[in-house]
Structure formats: C-alpha cells, structure tokens
N, C-alpha and C. Protein backbone atom coordinates (compact mmCIF):
# COMPACT_ATOMS: atom_id res chain seq x y z
N MET A 1 44.33 -23.71 129.10
CA MET A 1 45.70 -23.52 130.05
C MET A 1 46.90 -23.02 129.20
N SER A 2 47.84 -22.26 129.59
CA SER A 2 48.95 -21.69 129.05
C SER A 2 50.20 -22.42 129.34
N GLU A 3 51.03 -22.55 128.69
CA GLU A 3 51.99 -22.89 129.26
C GLU A 3 53.19 -21.95 129.68
N ILE A 4 54.17 -22.78 130.45
CA ILE A 4 54.89 -21.82 131.38
C ILE A 4 56.18 -21.29 131.00
N THR A 5 56.43 -20.13 131.01
CA THR A 5 57.53 -20.04 130.70
C THR A 5 58.84 -19.80 131.25
N ALA A 6 60.01 -19.45 131.06
CA ALA A 6 61.34 -19.92 131.60
C ALA A 6 61.37 -19.00 132.90
N ASP A 7 61.06 -17.98 132.87
CA ASP A 7 61.10 -16.78 134.04
C ASP A 7 60.02 -17.35 134.89
N GLN A 8 58.77 -17.80 134.62
CA GLN A 8 57.95 -18.07 135.61
C GLN A 8 58.35 -19.69 136.28
N SER A 9 58.86 -20.36 135.36
CA SER A 9 59.89 -21.94 136.42
C SER A 9 60.54 -21.05 137.25
N ARG A 10 61.37 -20.36 137.07
CA ARG A 10 62.67 -19.90 138.18
C ARG A 10 61.83 -19.03 139.10
N ALA A 11 60.94 -18.31 138.79
CA ALA A 11 60.30 -17.51 140.17
C ALA A 11 59.40 -18.75 140.79
N ALA A 12 58.77 -19.14 140.15
CA ALA A 12 58.20 -20.34 141.21
C ALA A 12 59.12 -21.44 142.17
N ARG A 13 59.92 -21.79 141.43
CA ARG A 13 61.01 -22.58 142.05
C ARG A 13 61.69 -21.54 143.36
N ALA A 14 61.74 -20.30 143.21
CA ALA A 14 62.17 -19.84 144.28
C ALA A 14 61.19 -19.11 145.21
N LEU A 15 59.93 -19.00 144.85
CA LEU A 15 58.87 -19.01 145.90
C LEU A 15 58.79 -20.16 146.58
N LEU A 16 58.86 -21.43 145.93
CA LEU A 16 58.83 -22.71 146.82
C LEU A 16 59.74 -23.48 147.26
N HIS A 17 61.11 -22.34 147.38
CA HIS A 17 62.22 -22.85 147.75
C HIS A 17 63.08 -24.38 146.99
N MET A 18 62.66 -24.29 145.67
CA MET A 18 62.88 -25.76 145.16
C MET A 18 64.01 -25.68 144.15
N SER A 19 64.56 -26.63 144.36
CA SER A 19 65.78 -27.23 143.41
C SER A 19 65.43 -27.35 142.35
N GLU A 20 66.47 -27.16 141.13
CA GLU A 20 66.11 -27.39 139.74
C GLU A 20 66.06 -28.95 139.77
N GLU A 21 66.70 -29.84 140.62
CA GLU A 21 66.50 -31.38 140.90
C GLU A 21 65.21 -31.78 141.33
N GLY A 22 64.43 -30.89 142.30
CA GLY A 22 63.40 -31.08 142.59
C GLY A 22 62.42 -31.01 141.68
N LEU A 23 62.49 -29.97 141.04
CA LEU A 23 61.33 -29.81 140.15
C LEU A 23 61.40 -30.92 138.54
N ALA A 24 62.66 -30.98 138.40
CA ALA A 24 62.70 -32.43 137.48
C ALA A 24 62.25 -33.44 137.81
N ALA A 25 62.26 -33.57 139.08
CA ALA A 25 62.02 -35.07 139.53
C ALA A 25 60.39 -34.99 139.63
N ALA A 26 59.73 -33.77 140.20
CA ALA A 26 58.48 -33.58 140.26
C ALA A 26 57.95 -33.80 139.03
N ALA A 27 58.25 -33.39 138.41
CA ALA A 27 57.76 -32.94 136.58
C ALA A 27 58.11 -34.20 135.91
N ASN A 28 59.00 -34.86 135.99
CA ASN A 28 59.28 -36.27 135.41
C ASN A 28 60.10 -35.77 134.27
N VAL A 29 60.88 -34.95 134.17
CA VAL A 29 61.65 -34.61 132.98
C VAL A 29 63.22 -34.71 133.65
N GLY A 30 64.09 -34.40 132.29
CA GLY A 30 65.58 -34.33 132.80
C GLY A 30 66.21 -33.28 133.17
N LEU A 31 66.79 -33.18 134.13
CA LEU A 31 67.61 -31.96 134.66
C LEU A 31 67.95 -31.40 133.75
N ALA A 32 68.94 -31.57 132.60
CA ALA A 32 69.17 -30.85 131.50
C ALA A 32 68.64 -30.44 131.28
N THR A 33 67.03 -31.17 130.99
CA THR A 33 66.10 -30.44 130.09
C THR A 33 65.46 -29.05 130.71
N LEU A 34 65.33 -29.55 132.07
CA LEU A 34 64.85 -28.25 132.82
C LEU A 34 65.92 -26.91 132.66
N ARG A 35 67.23 -27.54 132.93
CA ARG A 35 68.46 -26.27 133.06
C ARG A 35 68.10 -25.47 131.86
N ALA A 36 67.87 -26.46 130.83
CA ALA A 36 68.57 -25.51 129.09
C ALA A 36 66.88 -24.65 128.80
N PHE A 37 65.63 -25.10 129.49
CA PHE A 37 64.76 -24.18 129.46
C PHE A 37 65.10 -23.04 130.14
N GLU A 38 65.36 -23.13 131.41
CA GLU A 38 65.29 -21.99 132.22
C GLU A 38 66.42 -21.19 131.95
N ALA A 39 67.28 -21.46 131.40
CA ALA A 39 68.39 -20.61 130.89
C ALA A 39 68.22 -19.98 129.53
N GLY A 40 66.99 -20.49 129.03
CA GLY A 40 66.45 -19.83 127.79
C GLY A 40 67.15 -20.71 126.66
N LEU A 41 67.97 -21.55 126.54
CA LEU A 41 68.65 -22.31 125.64
C LEU A 41 68.06 -23.23 124.54
N ASN A 42 66.61 -23.52 125.26
CA ASN A 42 65.93 -24.50 124.41
C ASN A 42 64.41 -24.25 125.23
N LEU A 43 63.98 -25.00 124.01
CA LEU A 43 62.13 -24.88 124.26
C LEU A 43 61.87 -26.39 124.59
N PRO A 44 61.45 -27.01 125.89
CA PRO A 44 60.99 -28.11 125.81
C PRO A 44 60.04 -28.25 124.90
N THR A 45 59.68 -30.03 124.64
CA THR A 45 58.01 -30.40 124.08
C THR A 45 57.13 -29.58 124.75
N SER A 46 55.76 -29.94 124.42
CA SER A 46 54.87 -29.43 124.94
C SER A 46 54.42 -30.32 126.29
N ASN A 47 54.75 -31.39 126.40
CA ASN A 47 54.53 -32.46 127.02
C ASN A 47 55.17 -32.15 128.15
N SER A 48 56.80 -31.94 127.96
CA SER A 48 57.58 -31.45 129.00
C SER A 48 57.29 -30.11 129.70
N LEU A 49 56.94 -29.29 128.75
CA LEU A 49 56.16 -27.81 129.46
C LEU A 49 55.16 -28.11 130.50
N ARG A 50 54.04 -28.77 129.93
CA ARG A 50 53.10 -29.08 130.55
C ARG A 50 53.24 -29.70 132.03
N SER A 51 54.15 -30.80 132.05
CA SER A 51 54.64 -31.69 133.26
C SER A 51 55.06 -30.18 134.18
N ILE A 52 56.04 -29.82 133.73
CA ILE A 52 56.34 -28.63 134.58
C ILE A 52 55.65 -27.84 135.16
N ARG A 53 54.59 -27.24 134.45
CA ARG A 53 53.43 -26.44 134.80
C ARG A 53 52.59 -26.90 135.79
N LEU A 54 52.02 -28.37 135.59
CA LEU A 54 51.66 -29.10 136.39
C LEU A 54 52.28 -29.44 138.01
N ALA A 55 53.54 -30.04 137.91
CA ALA A 55 54.20 -30.08 138.92
C ALA A 55 54.39 -28.64 139.83
N LEU A 56 54.59 -27.72 139.15
CA LEU A 56 54.10 -26.36 139.87
C LEU A 56 53.18 -26.20 140.67
N GLU A 57 52.19 -26.38 139.94
CA GLU A 57 50.65 -25.93 140.31
C GLU A 57 50.29 -26.84 141.42
N HIS A 58 50.91 -28.19 141.49
CA HIS A 58 50.84 -29.17 142.77
C HIS A 58 51.19 -28.78 143.57
N ALA A 59 52.51 -28.16 143.45
CA ALA A 59 53.17 -27.49 144.94
C ALA A 59 52.40 -26.53 145.22
N GLY A 60 51.39 -25.46 144.66
CA GLY A 60 50.94 -24.68 145.18
C GLY A 60 51.25 -23.45 144.47
N ILE A 61 51.62 -23.15 143.11
CA ILE A 61 51.78 -22.30 142.54
C ILE A 61 50.56 -21.97 141.52
N GLU A 62 50.35 -20.53 141.29
CA GLU A 62 49.16 -20.23 140.23
C GLU A 62 49.79 -19.40 139.30
N LEU A 63 50.22 -19.79 138.00
CA LEU A 63 50.46 -19.11 137.13
C LEU A 63 49.51 -17.53 136.68
N VAL A 64 50.33 -16.58 136.32
CA VAL A 64 49.89 -15.28 136.26
C VAL A 64 49.81 -15.15 134.81
N VAL A 65 48.88 -15.23 134.23
CA VAL A 65 48.88 -14.86 132.67
C VAL A 65 48.30 -13.42 132.24
N GLY A 66 49.12 -12.99 131.04
CA GLY A 66 48.41 -12.20 130.54
C GLY A 66 49.37 -10.68 129.79
N ALA A 67 49.09 -9.47 129.85
CA ALA A 67 50.44 -8.67 129.67
C ALA A 67 51.67 -8.74 130.58
N ASP A 68 51.42 -9.08 131.85
CA ASP A 68 52.42 -8.87 132.82
C ASP A 68 52.76 -10.42 133.71
N PRO A 69 52.64 -11.37 132.82
CA PRO A 69 52.78 -12.65 133.45
C PRO A 69 53.92 -13.01 134.53
N GLY A 70 53.33 -13.75 135.58
CA GLY A 70 54.45 -13.86 136.82
C GLY A 70 53.81 -14.90 137.43
N VAL A 71 54.02 -15.13 138.68
CA VAL A 71 53.71 -16.81 139.46
C VAL A 71 53.45 -15.85 140.64
N ARG A 72 52.43 -16.79 141.58
CA ARG A 72 52.03 -16.33 143.01
C ARG A 72 51.88 -17.82 143.60
N LEU A 73 51.96 -17.65 144.86
CA LEU A 73 51.15 -19.01 145.77
C LEU A 73 49.73 -18.98 145.67
N SER A 74 49.52 -19.92 145.28
CA SER A 74 47.86 -20.41 145.40
C SER A 74 47.39 -20.01 146.97
N VAL A 75 46.32 -19.34 146.81
CA VAL A 75 45.32 -18.74 148.12
C VAL A 75 44.94 -20.16 148.81
N ARG A 76 44.88 -21.41 147.93
CA ARG A 76 44.17 -22.70 148.54
C ARG A 76 45.47 -23.70 148.70
N GLY A 77 46.69 -23.21 148.74
CA GLY A 77 48.11 -23.83 149.02
C GLY A 77 47.88 -25.07 148.01
N ALA A 78 49.13 -25.65 148.88
CA ALA A 78 49.51 -26.62 147.84
C ALA A 78 48.86 -27.97 147.86
N ARG A 79 48.43 -28.71 146.95
CA ARG A 79 47.26 -29.42 146.70
C ARG A 79 48.27 -30.85 147.57
N ALA A 80 46.89 -31.84 148.36
CA ALA A 80 47.66 -32.86 148.71
C ALA A 80 47.66 -34.02 147.92
C-alpha cells in the first residue's frame, strides 16, 4: 500500500464533495493536521497518512500510483 499525497487528498475530497472537516473527522486526525498536509506545509505521521488514505478509500476512492499518480472513484463504489 502506498501513502497518499497532498494533491491526491485534495482531489479525492473534490470528487467526493467532502469538506476538510469531514475528512479530518472520518480519518480521526486533527483539522490543522489535514490542512497543513494539503497545503504542503507539513507531512503527517505515517499513522495519520494511513488514516487519511483509508477514510478516502472507505468513501469510494481508489489511489492511482505510478509515474502519474492521481485518484478515481472506485468501480465498486463506497464501502458500507
């Protein structure tokens, strides 16, 4: 499993129409932590990055890794 980038986090939230507050709550990370990460000011702990990634994946996001990383909505949709 790869870690999420700040660009992927912002793009995933946009696809999901999810606020910073919503993602911070879903990932159980501080709002300031998420905002600083997405602004490129701070790299959260690996546990926080994993929590952010898992929250977005649970909401139906797939991370695209490789030379041109990105995000897309999962074919399977959001998990219950």
